[in-house]
């Protein structure tokens, strides 16, 4: 698997927190880890597509592994 640097993850978190709606961030904030896992085919695809559109050219396996961590960090760093 492609190794993703801490800096790349931080850039992705910043990008996502700027681009994703506060409404979605609020929902994620309230979700348990299990509920977030259940969102793999809905929210997960949305997050992965947003990251791709933002220039993050990570392979699908990497995105599958990291999207939850990145959106959780985006919630933590947002001002919601």
N, C-alpha and C. Protein backbone atom coordinates (compact mmCIF):
# COMPACT_ATOMS: atom_id res chain seq x y z
N UNK A 1 0.85 -1.20 0.00
CA UNK A 1 0.00 0.00 0.00
C UNK A 1 0.88 1.24 0.00
N UNK A 2 0.46 2.26 -0.72
CA UNK A 2 1.17 3.53 -0.80
C UNK A 2 1.21 4.18 0.58
N UNK A 3 2.37 4.62 0.96
CA UNK A 3 2.53 5.29 2.26
C UNK A 3 2.10 6.75 2.12
N UNK A 4 1.23 7.20 2.99
CA UNK A 4 0.74 8.58 2.98
C UNK A 4 1.41 9.32 4.12
N UNK A 5 2.02 10.45 3.81
CA UNK A 5 2.72 11.22 4.84
C UNK A 5 1.72 11.96 5.73
N UNK A 6 2.20 12.32 6.89
CA UNK A 6 1.40 13.09 7.83
C UNK A 6 0.98 14.43 7.19
N UNK A 7 1.89 15.02 6.42
CA UNK A 7 1.60 16.29 5.76
C UNK A 7 0.48 16.15 4.73
N UNK A 8 0.49 15.03 3.99
CA UNK A 8 -0.57 14.80 3.00
C UNK A 8 -1.92 14.65 3.70
N UNK A 9 -1.93 13.94 4.81
CA UNK A 9 -3.17 13.77 5.56
C UNK A 9 -3.65 15.11 6.09
N UNK A 10 -2.74 15.92 6.62
CA UNK A 10 -3.11 17.24 7.12
C UNK A 10 -3.69 18.12 6.00
N UNK A 11 -3.09 18.05 4.81
CA UNK A 11 -3.61 18.80 3.67
C UNK A 11 -5.01 18.31 3.30
N UNK A 12 -5.21 17.01 3.32
CA UNK A 12 -6.52 16.44 2.99
C UNK A 12 -7.57 16.85 4.03
N UNK A 13 -7.19 16.86 5.29
CA UNK A 13 -8.11 17.28 6.36
C UNK A 13 -8.51 18.73 6.15
N UNK A 14 -7.54 19.58 5.87
CA UNK A 14 -7.82 21.00 5.65
C UNK A 14 -8.73 21.18 4.44
N UNK A 15 -8.41 20.50 3.36
CA UNK A 15 -9.23 20.59 2.15
C UNK A 15 -10.66 20.16 2.45
N UNK A 16 -10.81 19.02 3.10
CA UNK A 16 -12.14 18.50 3.37
C UNK A 16 -12.91 19.42 4.31
N UNK A 17 -12.27 19.93 5.35
CA UNK A 17 -12.98 20.80 6.28
C UNK A 17 -13.40 22.11 5.61
N UNK A 18 -12.66 22.54 4.57
CA UNK A 18 -13.05 23.73 3.81
C UNK A 18 -14.18 23.45 2.83
N UNK A 19 -14.21 22.24 2.28
CA UNK A 19 -15.11 21.94 1.18
C UNK A 19 -16.42 21.25 1.56
N UNK A 20 -16.41 20.46 2.61
CA UNK A 20 -17.61 19.69 2.96
C UNK A 20 -18.54 20.58 3.79
N UNK A 21 -19.81 20.35 3.68
CA UNK A 21 -20.78 21.22 4.37
C UNK A 21 -20.72 21.02 5.88
N UNK A 22 -21.06 22.10 6.59
CA UNK A 22 -21.13 22.03 8.05
C UNK A 22 -22.19 21.02 8.49
N UNK A 23 -23.24 20.90 7.70
CA UNK A 23 -24.31 19.94 8.02
C UNK A 23 -23.75 18.52 8.08
N UNK A 24 -22.94 18.16 7.11
CA UNK A 24 -22.35 16.81 7.11
C UNK A 24 -21.38 16.67 8.26
N UNK A 25 -20.57 17.69 8.51
CA UNK A 25 -19.63 17.62 9.63
C UNK A 25 -20.37 17.44 10.95
N UNK A 26 -21.49 18.14 11.11
CA UNK A 26 -22.31 18.00 12.33
C UNK A 26 -22.81 16.56 12.48
N UNK A 27 -23.28 15.98 11.39
CA UNK A 27 -23.78 14.60 11.43
C UNK A 27 -22.66 13.64 11.82
N UNK A 28 -21.50 13.83 11.22
CA UNK A 28 -20.36 12.96 11.52
C UNK A 28 -19.96 13.10 12.98
N UNK A 29 -20.02 14.30 13.48
CA UNK A 29 -19.66 14.57 14.88
C UNK A 29 -20.50 13.74 15.83
N UNK A 30 -21.74 13.51 15.46
CA UNK A 30 -22.67 12.77 16.32
C UNK A 30 -22.62 11.25 16.11
N UNK A 31 -21.94 10.80 15.07
CA UNK A 31 -21.93 9.36 14.73
C UNK A 31 -20.92 8.59 15.57
N UNK A 32 -21.32 7.39 15.94
CA UNK A 32 -20.37 6.45 16.54
C UNK A 32 -19.49 5.89 15.42
N UNK A 33 -18.43 5.21 15.79
CA UNK A 33 -17.55 4.62 14.78
C UNK A 33 -18.32 3.58 13.95
N UNK A 34 -19.18 2.82 14.59
CA UNK A 34 -19.98 1.83 13.87
C UNK A 34 -20.92 2.50 12.87
N UNK A 35 -21.56 3.59 13.28
CA UNK A 35 -22.44 4.31 12.37
C UNK A 35 -21.66 4.87 11.18
N UNK A 36 -20.46 5.35 11.45
CA UNK A 36 -19.63 5.87 10.37
C UNK A 36 -19.21 4.76 9.42
N UNK A 37 -18.88 3.61 9.96
CA UNK A 37 -18.54 2.46 9.11
C UNK A 37 -19.72 2.09 8.21
N UNK A 38 -20.93 2.18 8.72
CA UNK A 38 -22.13 1.88 7.94
C UNK A 38 -22.33 2.86 6.79
N UNK A 39 -21.66 4.00 6.83
CA UNK A 39 -21.78 5.03 5.79
C UNK A 39 -20.76 4.86 4.67
N UNK A 40 -20.07 3.74 4.65
CA UNK A 40 -19.00 3.51 3.68
C UNK A 40 -19.46 3.73 2.23
N UNK A 41 -20.64 3.27 1.89
CA UNK A 41 -21.11 3.38 0.50
C UNK A 41 -21.84 4.69 0.20
N UNK A 42 -22.10 5.49 1.21
CA UNK A 42 -22.74 6.78 0.94
C UNK A 42 -21.76 7.91 1.24
N UNK A 43 -21.55 8.18 2.48
CA UNK A 43 -20.65 9.26 2.87
C UNK A 43 -19.21 8.96 2.47
N UNK A 44 -18.81 7.71 2.59
CA UNK A 44 -17.45 7.33 2.23
C UNK A 44 -17.13 7.64 0.78
N UNK A 45 -18.06 7.32 -0.10
CA UNK A 45 -17.84 7.61 -1.53
C UNK A 45 -17.81 9.12 -1.76
N UNK A 46 -18.68 9.85 -1.08
CA UNK A 46 -18.69 11.30 -1.22
C UNK A 46 -17.35 11.90 -0.78
N UNK A 47 -16.84 11.46 0.35
CA UNK A 47 -15.56 11.95 0.86
C UNK A 47 -14.43 11.58 -0.11
N UNK A 48 -14.41 10.33 -0.54
CA UNK A 48 -13.35 9.90 -1.46
C UNK A 48 -13.40 10.68 -2.76
N UNK A 49 -14.60 10.91 -3.30
CA UNK A 49 -14.71 11.69 -4.53
C UNK A 49 -14.27 13.14 -4.33
N UNK A 50 -14.61 13.73 -3.20
CA UNK A 50 -14.18 15.09 -2.92
C UNK A 50 -12.66 15.17 -2.85
N UNK A 51 -12.05 14.19 -2.21
CA UNK A 51 -10.59 14.20 -2.11
C UNK A 51 -9.94 14.04 -3.48
N UNK A 52 -10.50 13.18 -4.30
CA UNK A 52 -9.98 13.03 -5.68
C UNK A 52 -10.10 14.35 -6.44
N UNK A 53 -11.27 15.00 -6.32
CA UNK A 53 -11.48 16.28 -6.99
C UNK A 53 -10.51 17.34 -6.49
N UNK A 54 -10.09 17.19 -5.24
CA UNK A 54 -9.14 18.13 -4.65
C UNK A 54 -7.69 17.83 -4.99
N UNK A 55 -7.47 16.81 -5.81
CA UNK A 55 -6.13 16.51 -6.26
C UNK A 55 -5.41 15.44 -5.48
N UNK A 56 -6.07 14.79 -4.57
CA UNK A 56 -5.46 13.72 -3.79
C UNK A 56 -5.61 12.43 -4.60
N UNK A 57 -4.55 12.05 -5.25
CA UNK A 57 -4.56 10.94 -6.21
C UNK A 57 -4.15 9.62 -5.57
N UNK A 58 -4.69 9.35 -4.41
CA UNK A 58 -4.38 8.11 -3.72
C UNK A 58 -5.22 6.98 -4.33
N UNK A 59 -4.70 5.77 -4.26
CA UNK A 59 -5.46 4.66 -4.83
C UNK A 59 -6.66 4.32 -3.96
N UNK A 60 -7.56 3.53 -4.50
CA UNK A 60 -8.82 3.21 -3.82
C UNK A 60 -8.62 2.54 -2.48
N UNK A 61 -7.64 1.66 -2.39
CA UNK A 61 -7.38 0.97 -1.12
C UNK A 61 -6.98 1.97 -0.04
N UNK A 62 -6.13 2.91 -0.39
CA UNK A 62 -5.71 3.95 0.56
C UNK A 62 -6.90 4.79 0.97
N UNK A 63 -7.70 5.21 0.02
CA UNK A 63 -8.87 6.03 0.34
C UNK A 63 -9.86 5.26 1.21
N UNK A 64 -10.05 3.98 0.94
CA UNK A 64 -10.94 3.16 1.76
C UNK A 64 -10.46 3.11 3.21
N UNK A 65 -9.15 3.07 3.38
CA UNK A 65 -8.58 2.99 4.72
C UNK A 65 -8.60 4.33 5.46
N UNK A 66 -8.48 5.43 4.73
CA UNK A 66 -8.26 6.73 5.37
C UNK A 66 -9.46 7.67 5.44
N UNK A 67 -10.51 7.44 4.68
CA UNK A 67 -11.56 8.44 4.62
C UNK A 67 -12.19 8.72 5.98
N UNK A 68 -12.38 7.69 6.81
CA UNK A 68 -13.00 7.91 8.13
C UNK A 68 -12.09 8.74 9.02
N UNK A 69 -10.81 8.42 9.02
CA UNK A 69 -9.85 9.19 9.82
C UNK A 69 -9.83 10.66 9.37
N UNK A 70 -9.82 10.87 8.07
CA UNK A 70 -9.74 12.23 7.55
C UNK A 70 -11.00 13.03 7.89
N UNK A 71 -12.17 12.41 7.76
CA UNK A 71 -13.38 13.18 8.08
C UNK A 71 -13.49 13.42 9.58
N UNK A 72 -13.06 12.48 10.40
CA UNK A 72 -13.06 12.71 11.85
C UNK A 72 -12.14 13.87 12.21
N UNK A 73 -10.97 13.90 11.61
CA UNK A 73 -10.04 15.00 11.86
C UNK A 73 -10.59 16.32 11.34
N UNK A 74 -11.32 16.29 10.23
CA UNK A 74 -11.94 17.50 9.68
C UNK A 74 -12.99 18.03 10.67
N UNK A 75 -13.73 17.14 11.28
CA UNK A 75 -14.71 17.56 12.30
C UNK A 75 -14.00 18.21 13.47
N UNK A 76 -12.91 17.62 13.92
CA UNK A 76 -12.17 18.15 15.05
C UNK A 76 -11.58 19.53 14.77
N UNK A 77 -11.16 19.77 13.54
CA UNK A 77 -10.52 21.03 13.21
C UNK A 77 -11.49 22.11 12.72
N UNK A 78 -12.73 21.72 12.45
CA UNK A 78 -13.70 22.70 11.96
C UNK A 78 -14.22 23.57 13.10
N UNK A 79 -14.88 24.61 12.73
CA UNK A 79 -15.43 25.54 13.72
C UNK A 79 -16.93 25.35 13.88
N UNK A 80 -17.39 24.12 13.78
CA UNK A 80 -18.83 23.87 13.93
C UNK A 80 -19.18 23.70 15.39
